Amino acid sequence: MRISEVNVEALSKPQIGRLVMGDQPYCEEAGDVIFVFGGQTLDRVRQAAGLFHAGKAPRILLSGGTKFGQRHPAEAITMREEALHLGVPPEAILIETESNHTIENVLCSLVVLHRNVGLHRVRRLIAVTRPWHVRRSLLALRTYLPRWIEAVSCPVDLPGFDPDRWWDHPEAAWRVPREARKLVAYAREGFVADEEVAL
């Protein structure tokens, strides 16, 4: 079944989890850039800093604007301060502050990557986001990144979160169903490439 054909309301909880999170892949292999999707929580940047210090990539790109003027400073600026606090050197940090949502995180970051690294030099991008944002974020990357850049996911390791029992986690319990509806809507509208899912 393709994502655009899914009726979220007819799915069981485990099926909703598989739709939203996929197989929870984590890349042990190194990449060229650690890409952090925007958000208000700092767990993403902590995960990215850990990957950086483990030698997984030489640069971190933090993406996130003001959410249509609702957040000041921009999300990426707040994340940059945390990354510096965690010992990531300033020369290893790139920021993108214009985006307002997932697709713009990708689109606006392409210019930053091109100007600072050169898109032609990027072969693998390690995407960091929260577990329930994995499939939608990867689809956004695969839809809009140049074809030669491989996008792999490293979801944040949240305390007390089990992807096979997401409904027991207080935040995931409401975020995962909302994310499922958003994912299906994105695929139906053509915002991201539609794909087959095994539920």
Protein backbone atom coordinates (compact mmCIF):
# COMPACT_ATOMS: atom_id res chain seq x y z
CA MET A 1 0.00 0.00 0.00
CA ARG A 2 1.18 3.50 -0.77
CA ILE A 3 1.24 6.16 1.93
CA SER A 4 -1.30 8.28 0.06
CA GLU A 5 -3.78 5.37 0.16
CA VAL A 6 -3.60 4.83 3.92
CA ASN A 7 -6.66 5.42 6.10
CA VAL A 8 -5.03 6.26 9.42
CA GLU A 9 -8.28 5.80 11.36
CA ALA A 10 -8.45 2.14 10.26
CA LEU A 11 -4.96 1.25 11.49
CA SER A 12 -4.00 -0.46 14.73
CA LYS A 13 -1.53 1.24 17.07
CA PRO A 14 1.39 -0.95 15.93
CA GLN A 15 0.53 -0.18 12.29
CA ILE A 16 0.46 3.56 12.98
CA GLY A 17 3.90 3.22 14.56
CA ARG A 18 5.28 1.40 11.52
CA LEU A 19 3.78 4.01 9.20
CA VAL A 20 5.32 6.92 11.08
CA MET A 21 8.64 5.50 12.23
CA GLY A 22 9.44 2.75 9.76
CA ASP A 23 12.11 0.38 11.04
CA GLN A 24 13.88 3.00 13.18
CA PRO A 25 17.09 2.72 11.15
CA TYR A 26 20.32 3.96 12.60
CA CYS A 27 23.39 4.48 10.52
CA GLU A 28 26.60 3.31 12.09
CA GLU A 29 28.39 4.45 8.95
CA ALA A 30 29.91 7.91 8.79
CA GLY A 31 28.52 10.76 6.71
CA ASP A 32 29.51 14.16 5.40
CA VAL A 33 27.00 16.23 7.36
CA ILE A 34 24.80 15.72 10.41
CA PHE A 35 21.52 17.44 9.56
CA VAL A 36 19.30 18.51 12.45
CA PHE A 37 15.65 19.26 11.76
CA GLY A 38 14.16 22.25 13.55
CA GLY A 39 12.23 22.08 16.79
CA GLN A 40 11.91 23.68 20.20
CA THR A 41 13.48 20.86 22.20
CA LEU A 42 17.26 20.52 22.39
CA ASP A 43 17.45 16.72 22.38
CA ARG A 44 18.11 16.79 18.64
CA VAL A 45 21.20 18.93 18.98
CA ARG A 46 22.46 16.83 21.89
CA GLN A 47 22.16 13.75 19.70
CA ALA A 48 23.93 15.54 16.86
CA ALA A 49 26.76 16.66 19.16
CA GLY A 50 27.20 13.05 20.30
CA LEU A 51 27.46 11.90 16.70
CA PHE A 52 29.94 14.67 15.94
CA HIS A 53 32.16 13.78 18.90
CA ALA A 54 31.98 10.11 17.84
CA GLY A 55 33.45 11.10 14.48
CA LYS A 56 30.35 10.34 12.43
CA ALA A 57 30.63 13.56 10.35
CA PRO A 58 32.84 16.68 10.32
CA ARG A 59 29.96 19.18 10.28
CA ILE A 60 26.57 19.78 11.84
CA LEU A 61 23.89 21.71 9.97
CA LEU A 62 21.19 23.09 12.28
CA SER A 63 17.96 24.03 10.52
CA GLY A 64 15.06 26.04 11.89
CA GLY A 65 13.62 29.54 11.67
CA THR A 66 11.05 31.45 13.70
CA LYS A 67 8.01 29.30 12.83
CA PHE A 68 6.27 32.13 10.98
CA GLY A 69 7.43 34.69 13.53
CA GLN A 70 6.30 32.76 16.61
CA ARG A 71 9.76 31.91 17.98
CA HIS A 72 12.59 34.26 18.85
CA PRO A 73 15.40 33.69 18.40
CA ALA A 74 15.23 31.29 15.47
CA GLU A 75 15.38 27.61 16.43
CA ALA A 76 18.77 27.11 14.76
CA ILE A 77 20.32 29.92 16.79
CA THR A 78 19.13 28.36 20.05
CA MET A 79 20.44 24.97 18.91
CA ARG A 80 23.79 26.51 17.95
CA GLU A 81 24.25 27.84 21.49
CA GLU A 82 23.61 24.36 22.86
CA ALA A 83 26.01 22.76 20.37
CA LEU A 84 28.75 25.19 21.40
CA HIS A 85 28.00 24.43 25.05
CA LEU A 86 28.42 20.74 24.24
CA GLY A 87 31.89 21.32 22.83
CA VAL A 88 31.21 21.39 19.10
CA PRO A 89 33.67 23.90 17.61
CA PRO A 90 32.07 26.92 15.91
CA GLU A 91 33.75 26.18 12.60
CA ALA A 92 31.97 22.81 12.48
CA ILE A 93 28.48 24.34 12.85
CA LEU A 94 26.36 25.58 9.97
CA ILE A 95 22.96 27.16 10.58
CA GLU A 96 19.85 27.83 8.51
CA THR A 97 17.36 30.28 10.03
CA GLU A 98 14.77 30.93 7.29
CA SER A 99 12.68 27.74 7.33
CA ASN A 100 9.29 27.33 9.00
CA HIS A 101 8.56 23.60 8.59
CA THR A 102 10.00 20.25 7.54
CA ILE A 103 10.11 20.80 3.78
CA GLU A 104 11.59 24.27 4.18
CA ASN A 105 14.19 22.81 6.57
CA VAL A 106 15.43 20.82 3.59
CA LEU A 107 14.99 23.44 0.88
CA CYS A 108 16.54 26.35 2.79
CA SER A 109 19.44 24.16 3.95
CA LEU A 110 20.41 23.27 0.39
CA VAL A 111 21.74 26.78 -0.19
CA VAL A 112 23.66 26.73 3.11
CA LEU A 113 25.17 23.37 2.22
CA HIS A 114 26.09 24.48 -1.28
CA ARG A 115 27.72 27.72 -0.16
CA ASN A 116 29.69 26.19 2.71
CA VAL A 117 30.45 22.64 1.60
CA GLY A 118 29.41 22.24 -2.03
CA LEU A 119 26.48 19.95 -2.75
CA HIS A 120 28.66 18.01 -5.18
CA ARG A 121 30.90 17.04 -2.23
CA VAL A 122 28.10 15.61 -0.08
CA ARG A 123 27.45 11.88 -0.43
CA ARG A 124 25.72 10.94 2.82
CA LEU A 125 23.65 13.06 5.19
CA ILE A 126 22.78 11.82 8.69
CA ALA A 127 19.36 13.19 9.65
CA VAL A 128 18.58 13.78 13.32
CA THR A 129 15.01 14.27 14.46
CA ARG A 130 12.54 12.84 16.95
CA PRO A 131 11.41 9.22 16.39
CA TRP A 132 7.90 10.04 15.17
CA HIS A 133 9.26 12.44 12.55
CA VAL A 134 11.55 9.87 10.93
CA ARG A 135 9.59 8.80 7.86
CA ARG A 136 8.29 12.26 6.96
CA SER A 137 11.72 13.84 7.39
CA LEU A 138 13.42 11.14 5.29
CA LEU A 139 10.78 11.50 2.58
CA ALA A 140 11.34 15.26 2.52
CA LEU A 141 15.08 14.72 2.16
CA ARG A 142 14.69 12.06 -0.55
CA THR A 143 12.23 14.25 -2.45
CA TYR A 144 14.29 17.44 -2.49
CA LEU A 145 17.96 16.46 -2.08
CA PRO A 146 20.08 15.93 -5.19
CA ARG A 147 19.87 12.29 -6.27
CA TRP A 148 23.48 11.48 -5.34
CA ILE A 149 23.04 12.36 -1.65
CA GLU A 150 21.99 9.43 0.53
CA ALA A 151 19.85 10.40 3.53
CA VAL A 152 19.95 8.11 6.56
CA SER A 153 18.20 8.59 9.88
CA CYS A 154 19.43 8.69 13.46
CA PRO A 155 16.34 9.39 15.59
CA VAL A 156 16.77 10.88 19.04
CA ASP A 157 17.04 8.30 21.81
CA LEU A 158 14.24 9.49 24.10
CA PRO A 159 14.12 8.26 27.72
CA GLY A 160 11.28 5.82 28.25
CA PHE A 161 10.36 5.65 24.57
CA ASP A 162 9.82 2.26 22.95
CA PRO A 163 8.79 2.48 19.26
CA ASP A 164 6.90 -0.81 19.62
CA ARG A 165 4.82 0.64 22.48
CA TRP A 166 4.79 4.31 21.56
CA TRP A 167 1.31 4.76 23.08
CA ASP A 168 2.81 4.30 26.57
CA HIS A 169 5.00 7.40 26.15
CA PRO A 170 3.12 10.57 27.24
CA GLU A 171 4.29 12.78 24.38
CA ALA A 172 4.34 10.11 21.67
CA ALA A 173 0.78 9.08 22.59
CA TRP A 174 -0.59 12.21 20.94
CA ARG A 175 2.23 13.10 18.55
CA VAL A 176 2.40 9.78 16.67
CA PRO A 177 -1.27 9.77 15.48
CA ARG A 178 -1.00 13.45 14.52
CA GLU A 179 2.19 12.73 12.61
CA ALA A 180 0.53 9.82 10.80
CA ARG A 181 -2.25 12.09 9.52
CA LYS A 182 0.29 14.73 8.51
CA LEU A 183 2.42 12.17 6.66
CA VAL A 184 -0.54 10.87 4.65
CA ALA A 185 -1.62 14.43 3.83
CA TYR A 186 1.90 15.30 2.62
CA ALA A 187 1.92 12.27 0.31
CA ARG A 188 -1.57 12.97 -1.03
CA GLU A 189 -0.76 16.63 -1.74
CA GLY A 190 2.52 15.71 -3.43
CA PHE A 191 4.67 17.61 -0.92
CA VAL A 192 6.79 14.47 -0.61
CA ALA A 193 7.26 11.50 -2.90
CA ASP A 194 4.73 8.75 -2.24
CA GLU A 195 6.11 5.31 -1.43
CA GLU A 196 5.05 1.79 -0.56
CA VAL A 197 4.79 0.97 3.13
CA ALA A 198 4.53 -2.41 4.82
CA LEU A 199 2.07 -2.15 7.69
